[in-house]
Amino acid sequence: MDHTIDKCGKPPKPGTPEETREKRRELAVFLFLAGILFPILAVIIVAGYGFAVWIVQMFIGPPGPPG
């Protein structure tokens, strides 16, 4: 079993053009998810919750003691 430990701490550079393309694709997918999709989903979820609370309050009234 010949295992070597890389002391410099840097990952090895991709050796083939296919590996380079795969790394670029992974970076593009990450940037899309982190910069576009997740922020949009967060806004949609918060807006949907706010809309649901608004609709419920239209039918049963706002929270608080009965007045």
PDB file of N, CA and C in Angstrom:
ATOM      1  N   MET A   1       0.832  -1.170   0.000  1.00  0.00           N
ATOM      2  CA  MET A   1       0.000   0.000   0.000  1.00  0.00           C
ATOM      3  C   MET A   1       0.880   1.238   0.000  1.00  0.00           C
ATOM      4  N   ASP A   2       0.904   1.903  -1.103  1.00  0.00           N
ATOM      5  CA  ASP A   2       1.758   3.064  -1.241  1.00  0.00           C
ATOM      6  C   ASP A   2       0.899   4.316  -1.223  1.00  0.00           C
ATOM      7  N   HIS A   3       0.741   4.895  -0.040  1.00  0.00           N
ATOM      8  CA  HIS A   3      -0.029   6.129   0.110  1.00  0.00           C
ATOM      9  C   HIS A   3       0.930   7.254   0.465  1.00  0.00           C
ATOM     10  N   THR A   4       0.833   8.334  -0.283  1.00  0.00           N
ATOM     11  CA  THR A   4       1.661   9.489   0.033  1.00  0.00           C
ATOM     12  C   THR A   4       0.777  10.616   0.523  1.00  0.00           C
ATOM     13  N   ILE A   5       1.312  11.425   1.370  1.00  0.00           N
ATOM     14  CA  ILE A   5       0.580  12.574   1.902  1.00  0.00           C
ATOM     15  C   ILE A   5       1.155  13.823   1.266  1.00  0.00           C
ATOM     16  N   ASP A   6       0.261  14.629   0.697  1.00  0.00           N
ATOM     17  CA  ASP A   6       0.684  15.875   0.080  1.00  0.00           C
ATOM     18  C   ASP A   6       0.892  16.913   1.175  1.00  0.00           C
ATOM     19  N   LYS A   7       2.110  17.352   1.362  1.00  0.00           N
ATOM     20  CA  LYS A   7       2.448  18.247   2.465  1.00  0.00           C
ATOM     21  C   LYS A   7       2.071  19.701   2.194  1.00  0.00           C
ATOM     22  N   CYS A   8       1.944  20.092   0.934  1.00  0.00           N
ATOM     23  CA  CYS A   8       1.714  21.506   0.641  1.00  0.00           C
ATOM     24  C   CYS A   8       0.273  21.930   0.906  1.00  0.00           C
ATOM     25  N   GLY A   9      -0.669  20.990   0.981  1.00  0.00           N
ATOM     26  CA  GLY A   9      -2.045  21.324   1.312  1.00  0.00           C
ATOM     27  C   GLY A   9      -2.887  21.774   0.138  1.00  0.00           C
ATOM     28  N   LYS A  10      -2.312  21.915  -1.048  1.00  0.00           N
ATOM     29  CA  LYS A  10      -3.078  22.322  -2.219  1.00  0.00           C
ATOM     30  C   LYS A  10      -3.571  21.081  -2.956  1.00  0.00           C
ATOM     31  N   PRO A  11      -4.800  21.136  -3.488  1.00  0.00           N
ATOM     32  CA  PRO A  11      -5.265  19.999  -4.279  1.00  0.00           C
ATOM     33  C   PRO A  11      -4.476  19.919  -5.582  1.00  0.00           C
ATOM     34  N   PRO A  12      -4.315  18.727  -6.111  1.00  0.00           N
ATOM     35  CA  PRO A  12      -3.582  18.601  -7.367  1.00  0.00           C
ATOM     36  C   PRO A  12      -4.335  19.271  -8.509  1.00  0.00           C
ATOM     37  N   LYS A  13      -3.587  19.787  -9.459  1.00  0.00           N
ATOM     38  CA  LYS A  13      -4.198  20.425 -10.622  1.00  0.00           C
ATOM     39  C   LYS A  13      -4.812  19.350 -11.513  1.00  0.00           C
ATOM     40  N   PRO A  14      -5.921  19.692 -12.177  1.00  0.00           N
ATOM     41  CA  PRO A  14      -6.513  18.729 -13.101  1.00  0.00           C
ATOM     42  C   PRO A  14      -5.537  18.423 -14.229  1.00  0.00           C
ATOM     43  N   GLY A  15      -5.469  17.148 -14.595  1.00  0.00           N
ATOM     44  CA  GLY A  15      -4.482  16.750 -15.583  1.00  0.00           C
ATOM     45  C   GLY A  15      -4.998  16.742 -17.003  1.00  0.00           C
ATOM     46  N   THR A  16      -6.246  16.423 -17.191  1.00  0.00           N
ATOM     47  CA  THR A  16      -6.774  16.284 -18.544  1.00  0.00           C
ATOM     48  C   THR A  16      -7.761  17.410 -18.832  1.00  0.00           C
ATOM     49  N   PRO A  17      -8.001  17.677 -20.102  1.00  0.00           N
ATOM     50  CA  PRO A  17      -9.012  18.706 -20.442  1.00  0.00           C
ATOM     51  C   PRO A  17     -10.400  18.372 -19.912  1.00  0.00           C
ATOM     52  N   GLU A  18     -10.723  17.076 -19.836  1.00  0.00           N
ATOM     53  CA  GLU A  18     -12.033  16.688 -19.302  1.00  0.00           C
ATOM     54  C   GLU A  18     -12.151  17.063 -17.832  1.00  0.00           C
ATOM     55  N   GLU A  19     -11.078  16.863 -17.073  1.00  0.00           N
ATOM     56  CA  GLU A  19     -11.099  17.240 -15.661  1.00  0.00           C
ATOM     57  C   GLU A  19     -11.220  18.749 -15.499  1.00  0.00           C
ATOM     58  N   THR A  20     -10.552  19.494 -16.363  1.00  0.00           N
ATOM     59  CA  THR A  20     -10.640  20.955 -16.318  1.00  0.00           C
ATOM     60  C   THR A  20     -12.060  21.413 -16.612  1.00  0.00           C
ATOM     61  N   ARG A  21     -12.697  20.819 -17.607  1.00  0.00           N
ATOM     62  CA  ARG A  21     -14.089  21.169 -17.924  1.00  0.00           C
ATOM     63  C   ARG A  21     -15.020  20.816 -16.783  1.00  0.00           C
ATOM     64  N   GLU A  22     -14.777  19.661 -16.157  1.00  0.00           N
ATOM     65  CA  GLU A  22     -15.615  19.244 -15.035  1.00  0.00           C
ATOM     66  C   GLU A  22     -15.479  20.219 -13.866  1.00  0.00           C
ATOM     67  N   LYS A  23     -14.263  20.670 -13.587  1.00  0.00           N
ATOM     68  CA  LYS A  23     -14.061  21.642 -12.509  1.00  0.00           C
ATOM     69  C   LYS A  23     -14.767  22.957 -12.822  1.00  0.00           C
ATOM     70  N   ARG A  24     -14.688  23.411 -14.064  1.00  0.00           N
ATOM     71  CA  ARG A  24     -15.376  24.658 -14.448  1.00  0.00           C
ATOM     72  C   ARG A  24     -16.885  24.494 -14.327  1.00  0.00           C
ATOM     73  N   ARG A  25     -17.384  23.330 -14.727  1.00  0.00           N
ATOM     74  CA  ARG A  25     -18.822  23.074 -14.632  1.00  0.00           C
ATOM     75  C   ARG A  25     -19.264  23.068 -13.163  1.00  0.00           C
ATOM     76  N   GLU A  26     -18.468  22.426 -12.302  1.00  0.00           N
ATOM     77  CA  GLU A  26     -18.796  22.411 -10.882  1.00  0.00           C
ATOM     78  C   GLU A  26     -18.814  23.826 -10.311  1.00  0.00           C
ATOM     79  N   LEU A  27     -17.843  24.638 -10.696  1.00  0.00           N
ATOM     80  CA  LEU A  27     -17.812  26.029 -10.225  1.00  0.00           C
ATOM     81  C   LEU A  27     -19.025  26.798 -10.726  1.00  0.00           C
ATOM     82  N   ALA A  28     -19.396  26.611 -11.979  1.00  0.00           N
ATOM     83  CA  ALA A  28     -20.551  27.305 -12.541  1.00  0.00           C
ATOM     84  C   ALA A  28     -21.841  26.891 -11.826  1.00  0.00           C
ATOM     85  N   VAL A  29     -21.988  25.607 -11.552  1.00  0.00           N
ATOM     86  CA  VAL A  29     -23.181  25.133 -10.847  1.00  0.00           C
ATOM     87  C   VAL A  29     -23.221  25.711  -9.431  1.00  0.00           C
ATOM     88  N   PHE A  30     -22.066  25.718  -8.746  1.00  0.00           N
ATOM     89  CA  PHE A  30     -22.018  26.284  -7.401  1.00  0.00           C
ATOM     90  C   PHE A  30     -22.398  27.763  -7.406  1.00  0.00           C
ATOM     91  N   LEU A  31     -21.829  28.520  -8.329  1.00  0.00           N
ATOM     92  CA  LEU A  31     -22.136  29.948  -8.384  1.00  0.00           C
ATOM     93  C   LEU A  31     -23.603  30.193  -8.708  1.00  0.00           C
ATOM     94  N   PHE A  32     -24.179  29.369  -9.582  1.00  0.00           N
ATOM     95  CA  PHE A  32     -25.601  29.490  -9.897  1.00  0.00           C
ATOM     96  C   PHE A  32     -26.450  29.213  -8.661  1.00  0.00           C
ATOM     97  N   LEU A  33     -26.120  28.126  -7.951  1.00  0.00           N
ATOM     98  CA  LEU A  33     -26.899  27.781  -6.763  1.00  0.00           C
ATOM     99  C   LEU A  33     -26.752  28.837  -5.673  1.00  0.00           C
ATOM    100  N   ALA A  34     -25.519  29.236  -5.387  1.00  0.00           N
ATOM    101  CA  ALA A  34     -25.268  30.150  -4.276  1.00  0.00           C
ATOM    102  C   ALA A  34     -25.657  31.590  -4.596  1.00  0.00           C
ATOM    103  N   GLY A  35     -25.529  32.002  -5.841  1.00  0.00           N
ATOM    104  CA  GLY A  35     -25.750  33.399  -6.178  1.00  0.00           C
ATOM    105  C   GLY A  35     -27.105  33.713  -6.768  1.00  0.00           C
ATOM    106  N   ILE A  36     -27.785  32.698  -7.308  1.00  0.00           N
ATOM    107  CA  ILE A  36     -29.053  32.968  -7.993  1.00  0.00           C
ATOM    108  C   ILE A  36     -30.201  32.151  -7.400  1.00  0.00           C
ATOM    109  N   LEU A  37     -30.070  30.831  -7.410  1.00  0.00           N
ATOM    110  CA  LEU A  37     -31.207  29.986  -7.047  1.00  0.00           C
ATOM    111  C   LEU A  37     -31.587  30.104  -5.568  1.00  0.00           C
ATOM    112  N   PHE A  38     -30.619  29.966  -4.659  1.00  0.00           N
ATOM    113  CA  PHE A  38     -30.957  30.006  -3.237  1.00  0.00           C
ATOM    114  C   PHE A  38     -31.505  31.359  -2.794  1.00  0.00           C
ATOM    115  N   PRO A  39     -30.953  32.486  -3.232  1.00  0.00           N
ATOM    116  CA  PRO A  39     -31.582  33.763  -2.845  1.00  0.00           C
ATOM    117  C   PRO A  39     -33.019  33.902  -3.370  1.00  0.00           C
ATOM    118  N   ILE A  40     -33.257  33.464  -4.586  1.00  0.00           N
ATOM    119  CA  ILE A  40     -34.614  33.537  -5.141  1.00  0.00           C
ATOM    120  C   ILE A  40     -35.563  32.645  -4.347  1.00  0.00           C
ATOM    121  N   LEU A  41     -35.114  31.429  -4.016  1.00  0.00           N
ATOM    122  CA  LEU A  41     -35.958  30.537  -3.227  1.00  0.00           C
ATOM    123  C   LEU A  41     -36.238  31.120  -1.842  1.00  0.00           C
ATOM    124  N   ALA A  42     -35.244  31.761  -1.241  1.00  0.00           N
ATOM    125  CA  ALA A  42     -35.446  32.363   0.080  1.00  0.00           C
ATOM    126  C   ALA A  42     -36.514  33.452   0.015  1.00  0.00           C
ATOM    127  N   VAL A  43     -36.451  34.295  -0.990  1.00  0.00           N
ATOM    128  CA  VAL A  43     -37.449  35.365  -1.136  1.00  0.00           C
ATOM    129  C   VAL A  43     -38.832  34.775  -1.376  1.00  0.00           C
ATOM    130  N   ILE A  44     -38.925  33.756  -2.213  1.00  0.00           N
ATOM    131  CA  ILE A  44     -40.223  33.137  -2.503  1.00  0.00           C
ATOM    132  C   ILE A  44     -40.812  32.502  -1.249  1.00  0.00           C
ATOM    133  N   ILE A  45     -39.983  31.822  -0.457  1.00  0.00           N
ATOM    134  CA  ILE A  45     -40.482  31.166   0.757  1.00  0.00           C
ATOM    135  C   ILE A  45     -40.964  32.200   1.771  1.00  0.00           C
ATOM    136  N   VAL A  46     -40.187  33.253   1.989  1.00  0.00           N
ATOM    137  CA  VAL A  46     -40.584  34.285   2.958  1.00  0.00           C
ATOM    138  C   VAL A  46     -41.840  35.010   2.474  1.00  0.00           C
ATOM    139  N   ALA A  47     -41.901  35.326   1.188  1.00  0.00           N
ATOM    140  CA  ALA A  47     -43.085  36.001   0.653  1.00  0.00           C
ATOM    141  C   ALA A  47     -44.308  35.095   0.732  1.00  0.00           C
ATOM    142  N   GLY A  48     -44.137  33.813   0.459  1.00  0.00           N
ATOM    143  CA  GLY A  48     -45.259  32.871   0.551  1.00  0.00           C
ATOM    144  C   GLY A  48     -45.781  32.752   1.967  1.00  0.00           C
ATOM    145  N   TYR A  49     -44.869  32.725   2.938  1.00  0.00           N
ATOM    146  CA  TYR A  49     -45.294  32.662   4.338  1.00  0.00           C
ATOM    147  C   TYR A  49     -46.044  33.945   4.724  1.00  0.00           C
ATOM    148  N   GLY A  50     -45.525  35.087   4.322  1.00  0.00           N
ATOM    149  CA  GLY A  50     -46.200  36.352   4.616  1.00  0.00           C
ATOM    150  C   GLY A  50     -47.578  36.416   3.984  1.00  0.00           C
ATOM    151  N   PHE A  51     -47.693  35.928   2.759  1.00  0.00           N
ATOM    152  CA  PHE A  51     -48.987  35.909   2.085  1.00  0.00           C
ATOM    153  C   PHE A  51     -49.960  34.998   2.822  1.00  0.00           C
ATOM    154  N   ALA A  52     -49.483  33.841   3.268  1.00  0.00           N
ATOM    155  CA  ALA A  52     -50.345  32.902   3.989  1.00  0.00           C
ATOM    156  C   ALA A  52     -50.825  33.513   5.300  1.00  0.00           C
ATOM    157  N   VAL A  53     -49.954  34.191   6.020  1.00  0.00           N
ATOM    158  CA  VAL A  53     -50.351  34.847   7.271  1.00  0.00           C
ATOM    159  C   VAL A  53     -51.374  35.940   6.987  1.00  0.00           C
ATOM    160  N   TRP A  54     -51.167  36.707   5.947  1.00  0.00           N
ATOM    161  CA  TRP A  54     -52.100  37.772   5.572  1.00  0.00           C
ATOM    162  C   TRP A  54     -53.490  37.209   5.260  1.00  0.00           C
ATOM    163  N   ILE A  55     -53.533  36.121   4.487  1.00  0.00           N
ATOM    164  CA  ILE A  55     -54.816  35.503   4.132  1.00  0.00           C
ATOM    165  C   ILE A  55     -55.517  34.972   5.389  1.00  0.00           C
ATOM    166  N   VAL A  56     -54.768  34.300   6.267  1.00  0.00           N
ATOM    167  CA  VAL A  56     -55.369  33.764   7.487  1.00  0.00           C
ATOM    168  C   VAL A  56     -55.915  34.900   8.343  1.00  0.00           C
ATOM    169  N   GLN A  57     -55.188  35.999   8.448  1.00  0.00           N
ATOM    170  CA  GLN A  57     -55.655  37.116   9.265  1.00  0.00           C
ATOM    171  C   GLN A  57     -56.881  37.791   8.660  1.00  0.00           C
ATOM    172  N   MET A  58     -57.051  37.686   7.365  1.00  0.00           N
ATOM    173  CA  MET A  58     -58.268  38.235   6.743  1.00  0.00           C
ATOM    174  C   MET A  58     -59.498  37.467   7.198  1.00  0.00           C
ATOM    175  N   PHE A  59     -59.353  36.161   7.467  1.00  0.00           N
ATOM    176  CA  PHE A  59     -60.502  35.340   7.830  1.00  0.00           C
ATOM    177  C   PHE A  59     -60.708  35.251   9.342  1.00  0.00           C
ATOM    178  N   ILE A  60     -59.639  35.170  10.124  1.00  0.00           N
ATOM    179  CA  ILE A  60     -59.826  34.980  11.576  1.00  0.00           C
ATOM    180  C   ILE A  60     -59.431  36.217  12.371  1.00  0.00           C
ATOM    181  N   GLY A  61     -58.943  37.241  11.735  1.00  0.00           N
ATOM    182  CA  GLY A  61     -58.610  38.474  12.437  1.00  0.00           C
ATOM    183  C   GLY A  61     -57.166  38.481  12.889  1.00  0.00           C
ATOM    184  N   PRO A  62     -56.715  39.674  13.278  1.00  0.00           N
ATOM    185  CA  PRO A  62     -55.319  39.792  13.701  1.00  0.00           C
ATOM    186  C   PRO A  62     -55.119  39.149  15.081  1.00  0.00           C
ATOM    187  N   PRO A  63     -53.875  38.863  15.432  1.00  0.00           N
ATOM    188  CA  PRO A  63     -53.626  38.274  16.753  1.00  0.00           C
ATOM    189  C   PRO A  63     -53.801  39.318  17.850  1.00  0.00           C
ATOM    190  N   GLY A  64     -54.039  38.835  19.041  1.00  0.00           N
ATOM    191  CA  GLY A  64     -54.213  39.744  20.173  1.00  0.00           C
ATOM    192  C   GLY A  64     -55.451  39.396  20.957  1.00  0.00           C
ATOM    193  N   PRO A  65     -55.645  40.116  22.041  1.00  0.00           N
ATOM    194  CA  PRO A  65     -56.836  39.851  22.850  1.00  0.00           C
ATOM    195  C   PRO A  65     -58.101  40.287  22.114  1.00  0.00           C
ATOM    196  N   PRO A  66     -59.183  39.565  22.323  1.00  0.00           N
ATOM    197  CA  PRO A  66     -60.427  39.984  21.647  1.00  0.00           C
ATOM    198  C   PRO A  66     -60.880  41.339  22.169  1.00  0.00           C
ATOM    199  N   GLY A  67     -61.364  42.132  21.265  1.00  0.00           N
ATOM    200  CA  GLY A  67     -61.616  43.458  21.715  1.00  0.00           C
ATOM    201  C   GLY A  67     -62.879  44.069  21.455  1.00  0.00           C
TER     202      GLY A  67
END
